[in-house]
Protein backbone atom coordinates (compact mmCIF):
# COMPACT_ATOMS: atom_id res chain seq x y z
CA MET A 1 59.02 65.13 48.20
CA SER A 2 59.31 62.10 50.44
CA ASP A 3 56.67 61.39 53.06
CA GLY A 4 59.25 61.99 55.79
CA ASN A 5 60.15 65.41 54.44
CA VAL A 6 56.50 66.41 54.19
CA ILE A 7 55.88 65.27 57.78
CA ASN A 8 58.87 67.33 58.95
CA ALA A 9 57.64 70.34 56.99
CA SER A 10 54.16 70.01 58.46
CA ALA A 11 55.49 69.81 62.01
CA THR A 12 57.69 72.87 61.45
CA ALA A 13 54.84 74.88 59.95
CA GLU A 14 52.52 73.94 62.80
CA ARG A 15 55.11 75.09 65.37
CA LEU A 16 55.27 78.44 63.61
CA MET A 17 51.48 78.79 63.69
CA ARG A 18 51.35 77.87 67.38
CA ALA A 19 53.96 80.52 68.17
CA TYR A 20 51.97 83.06 66.19
CA HIS A 21 48.74 82.11 67.94
CA SER A 22 50.36 82.50 71.36
CA HIS A 23 51.60 85.94 70.40
CA CYS A 24 48.11 86.96 69.26
CA VAL A 25 46.26 85.61 72.30
CA ALA A 26 48.51 86.71 75.18
CA PRO A 27 51.37 88.81 73.80
CA ASP A 28 54.42 89.52 75.93
CA LEU A 29 58.17 89.50 75.49
CA ASP A 30 58.30 85.69 75.71
CA THR A 31 55.75 85.22 72.91
CA LEU A 32 57.47 87.89 70.83
CA PHE A 33 60.89 86.30 71.00
CA GLY A 34 59.38 82.82 70.70
CA LEU A 35 57.79 83.89 67.42
CA LEU A 36 61.07 85.39 66.18
CA GLU A 37 62.83 82.09 66.92
CA ALA A 38 60.04 80.05 65.31
CA THR A 39 60.23 82.20 62.19
CA HIS A 40 63.98 81.72 61.90
CA SER A 41 63.74 77.97 62.56
CA ALA A 42 60.88 77.51 60.08
CA ASN A 43 62.91 78.98 57.24
CA ASP A 44 65.86 76.68 57.91
CA ARG A 45 63.81 73.53 58.45
CA LEU A 46 61.38 74.03 55.56
CA LYS A 47 64.24 74.72 53.17
CA LYS A 48 65.94 71.47 54.16
CA ALA A 49 62.75 69.42 54.14
CA VAL A 50 60.90 70.60 51.04
CA GLY A 51 62.84 73.47 49.47
CA ILE A 52 60.54 76.23 50.76
CA GLU A 53 62.19 79.36 52.11
CA PHE A 54 61.21 82.93 52.94
CA ILE A 55 64.41 84.80 52.18
CA ASP A 56 62.74 86.76 49.35
CA ILE A 57 60.04 88.12 51.69
CA PRO A 58 60.99 91.57 53.09
CA GLU A 59 59.17 90.91 56.35
CA PHE A 60 61.24 87.78 56.88
CA LEU A 61 64.53 89.59 56.23
CA ALA A 62 63.58 92.26 58.75
CA LEU A 63 62.61 89.71 61.40
CA LYS A 64 65.70 87.60 60.71
CA CYS A 65 67.86 90.67 61.34
CA LEU A 66 66.20 91.26 64.71
CA ARG A 67 66.25 87.60 65.71
CA ASN A 68 69.97 87.27 64.99
CA PHE A 69 70.74 90.48 66.88
CA PHE A 70 68.81 89.44 69.99
CA HIS A 71 70.22 85.92 69.78
CA HIS A 72 73.69 87.36 70.36
CA HIS A 73 72.63 90.25 72.62
CA ASP A 74 70.03 88.70 74.88
CA GLU A 75 70.49 91.42 77.49
CA LEU A 76 68.89 93.97 75.14
CA ARG A 77 65.48 92.30 75.18
CA HIS A 78 64.37 94.50 78.06
CA VAL A 79 64.36 97.59 75.85
CA VAL A 80 61.45 96.23 73.78
CA ARG A 81 57.90 96.95 74.96
CA VAL A 82 54.71 95.01 74.20
CA VAL A 83 51.92 97.55 74.68
CA PRO A 84 48.14 96.97 74.42
CA THR A 85 46.39 99.68 72.41
CA ALA A 86 43.10 99.51 74.34
CA GLY A 87 42.47 102.70 76.29
CA LEU A 88 45.21 104.67 74.52
CA PRO A 89 44.33 107.80 72.48
CA ILE A 90 45.39 106.17 69.23
CA GLN A 91 43.80 104.63 66.15
CA THR A 92 45.21 101.44 64.64
CA ASP A 93 43.97 98.09 63.35
CA LEU A 94 46.04 96.05 65.82
CA ILE A 95 45.23 95.42 69.47
CA PHE A 96 48.83 95.76 70.63
CA MET A 97 52.19 97.15 69.57
CA CYS A 98 55.74 95.85 69.87
CA LEU A 99 57.90 98.93 70.28
CA ALA A 100 61.67 99.20 70.03
CA PRO A 101 64.05 102.17 69.93
CA ARG A 102 65.19 103.13 66.46
CA ASN A 103 68.86 102.93 67.45
CA LEU A 104 68.38 99.25 68.35
CA ILE A 105 67.08 98.50 64.85
CA ASP A 106 69.93 100.50 63.34
CA GLU A 107 72.46 98.59 65.42
CA ALA A 108 70.91 95.26 64.39
CA VAL A 109 71.15 96.19 60.71
CA GLY A 110 74.73 97.32 61.25
CA GLN A 111 75.70 93.83 62.39
CA VAL A 112 74.34 92.13 59.26
CA PRO A 113 77.18 90.91 56.99
CA GLU A 114 78.05 93.71 54.59
CA ARG A 115 76.98 91.84 51.45
CA PHE A 116 73.41 91.54 52.84
CA ARG A 117 73.24 94.84 54.71
CA ALA A 118 71.72 97.09 52.05
CA GLN A 119 68.98 94.58 51.26
CA THR A 120 68.23 94.13 54.96
CA GLN A 121 68.10 97.90 55.51
CA VAL A 122 65.54 98.26 52.72
CA ALA A 123 63.50 95.39 54.15
CA CYS A 124 63.45 96.94 57.63
CA GLU A 125 62.46 100.35 56.29
CA TYR A 126 59.62 98.72 54.36
CA ALA A 127 58.32 96.20 56.89
CA PHE A 128 58.67 98.06 60.21
CA HIS A 129 56.73 101.20 61.06
CA TRP A 130 58.90 104.14 61.99
CA TYR A 131 57.88 107.01 64.27
CA GLY A 132 60.94 109.15 64.79
CA THR A 133 62.99 107.43 67.48
CA ILE A 134 60.47 104.59 68.00
CA VAL A 135 59.75 101.59 65.75
CA ASN A 136 56.69 99.32 65.82
CA ILE A 137 57.63 95.84 64.64
CA ASN A 138 54.28 94.15 65.25
CA PRO A 139 52.69 94.71 61.79
CA CYS A 140 55.73 93.01 60.26
CA LEU A 141 55.14 89.90 62.38
CA PHE A 142 51.49 89.62 61.39
CA ASN A 143 52.14 90.18 57.70
CA PHE A 144 55.01 87.72 57.58
CA VAL A 145 52.78 84.93 58.89
CA VAL A 146 50.27 85.64 56.11
CA HIS A 147 53.05 85.30 53.53
CA ALA A 148 54.27 82.08 55.16
CA TYR A 149 50.78 80.58 55.31
CA GLU A 150 50.13 81.35 51.65
CA ARG A 151 53.45 79.80 50.64
CA LEU A 152 52.69 76.64 52.62
CA VAL A 153 49.23 76.33 51.08
CA ALA A 154 50.63 76.86 47.57
CA ALA A 155 53.17 74.08 48.21
CA GLU A 156 50.37 71.81 49.48
CA ILE A 157 52.06 71.25 52.83
CA PRO A 158 49.40 69.78 55.15
CA ILE A 159 49.05 71.75 58.37
CA SER A 160 46.51 71.15 61.11
CA GLY A 161 45.74 71.93 64.73
CA ASP A 162 43.50 74.35 66.58
CA GLU A 163 45.83 77.27 65.97
CA VAL A 164 45.95 76.58 62.23
CA ASP A 165 42.16 76.18 62.13
CA ASP A 166 41.69 79.57 63.80
CA PHE A 167 44.00 81.23 61.30
CA ARG A 168 42.39 79.46 58.34
CA ARG A 169 38.88 80.52 59.39
CA SER A 170 40.00 84.13 59.64
CA TYR A 171 41.84 83.95 56.32
CA ASP A 172 38.87 82.36 54.53
CA PHE A 173 36.48 84.93 56.01
CA GLU A 174 38.68 87.75 54.73
CA THR A 175 38.73 86.14 51.30
CA GLU A 176 34.94 85.78 51.24
CA THR A 177 34.33 89.36 52.34
CA GLY A 178 36.97 90.91 50.11
CA HIS A 179 39.16 92.17 52.96
CA SER A 180 42.94 92.22 52.83
CA HIS A 181 44.76 89.45 54.65
CA PHE A 182 47.49 91.92 55.59
CA VAL A 183 47.33 94.52 58.34
CA ASP A 184 48.14 98.16 57.86
CA GLY A 185 49.15 98.68 61.48
CA ARG A 186 49.69 102.43 61.12
CA ILE A 187 49.20 104.47 64.27
CA SER A 188 47.55 107.87 64.50
CA THR A 189 46.64 109.91 67.55
CA THR A 190 44.54 112.91 68.44
CA ALA A 191 46.70 113.51 71.50
CA GLY A 192 49.45 115.46 69.75
CA SER A 193 52.63 113.83 68.41
CA THR A 194 52.58 110.08 67.76
CA GLN A 195 56.32 109.95 68.40
CA LEU A 196 55.98 111.68 71.78
CA LEU A 197 53.17 109.35 72.80
CA LEU A 198 55.12 106.23 71.85
CA SER A 199 58.26 107.58 73.49
CA ALA A 200 56.30 108.06 76.71
CA LEU A 201 55.09 104.45 76.49
CA MET A 202 58.69 103.29 76.11
CA ALA A 203 59.87 105.19 79.19
């Protein structure tokens, strides 16, 4: 790898980590769609610069499907909800959810080229969390960034910055304490039906 390619790869990776950090610190629709765009861009730029890509990662395929759909149907962004979990009668290991109607995900998958559609459908079913008519996409975002970080470290791509340092400290702590780097993100509630609760939050 040439020095120029490594520098380009580092800059791309750091943009991805900044977008992720913004989404963790003050999540809203802008940070959500910014992270989707950064994820898509990182795959293209890293592949060109140093031959790294994420196309084999189910979480990436699922996010790529959503990003492409929203890129061409920007008016549908308003149907997605970013919802803090604090104060809600639910149990989960994430502090907020990104909720979308199931039919939106189905429509996004339906617009994937036919030769990739089955693989994308499987990736979405695996990476997103489904609750009847509501889908939580946030665990997929978190877990994809873990995969991306590990791939960058394995390829010895230098990445730095406050956002990267924060992520690295958390990652190293999890390693030292034997905790998983990935989130479960499942939602349970004592207030009746999880689907009804999430549907009410989407209204």
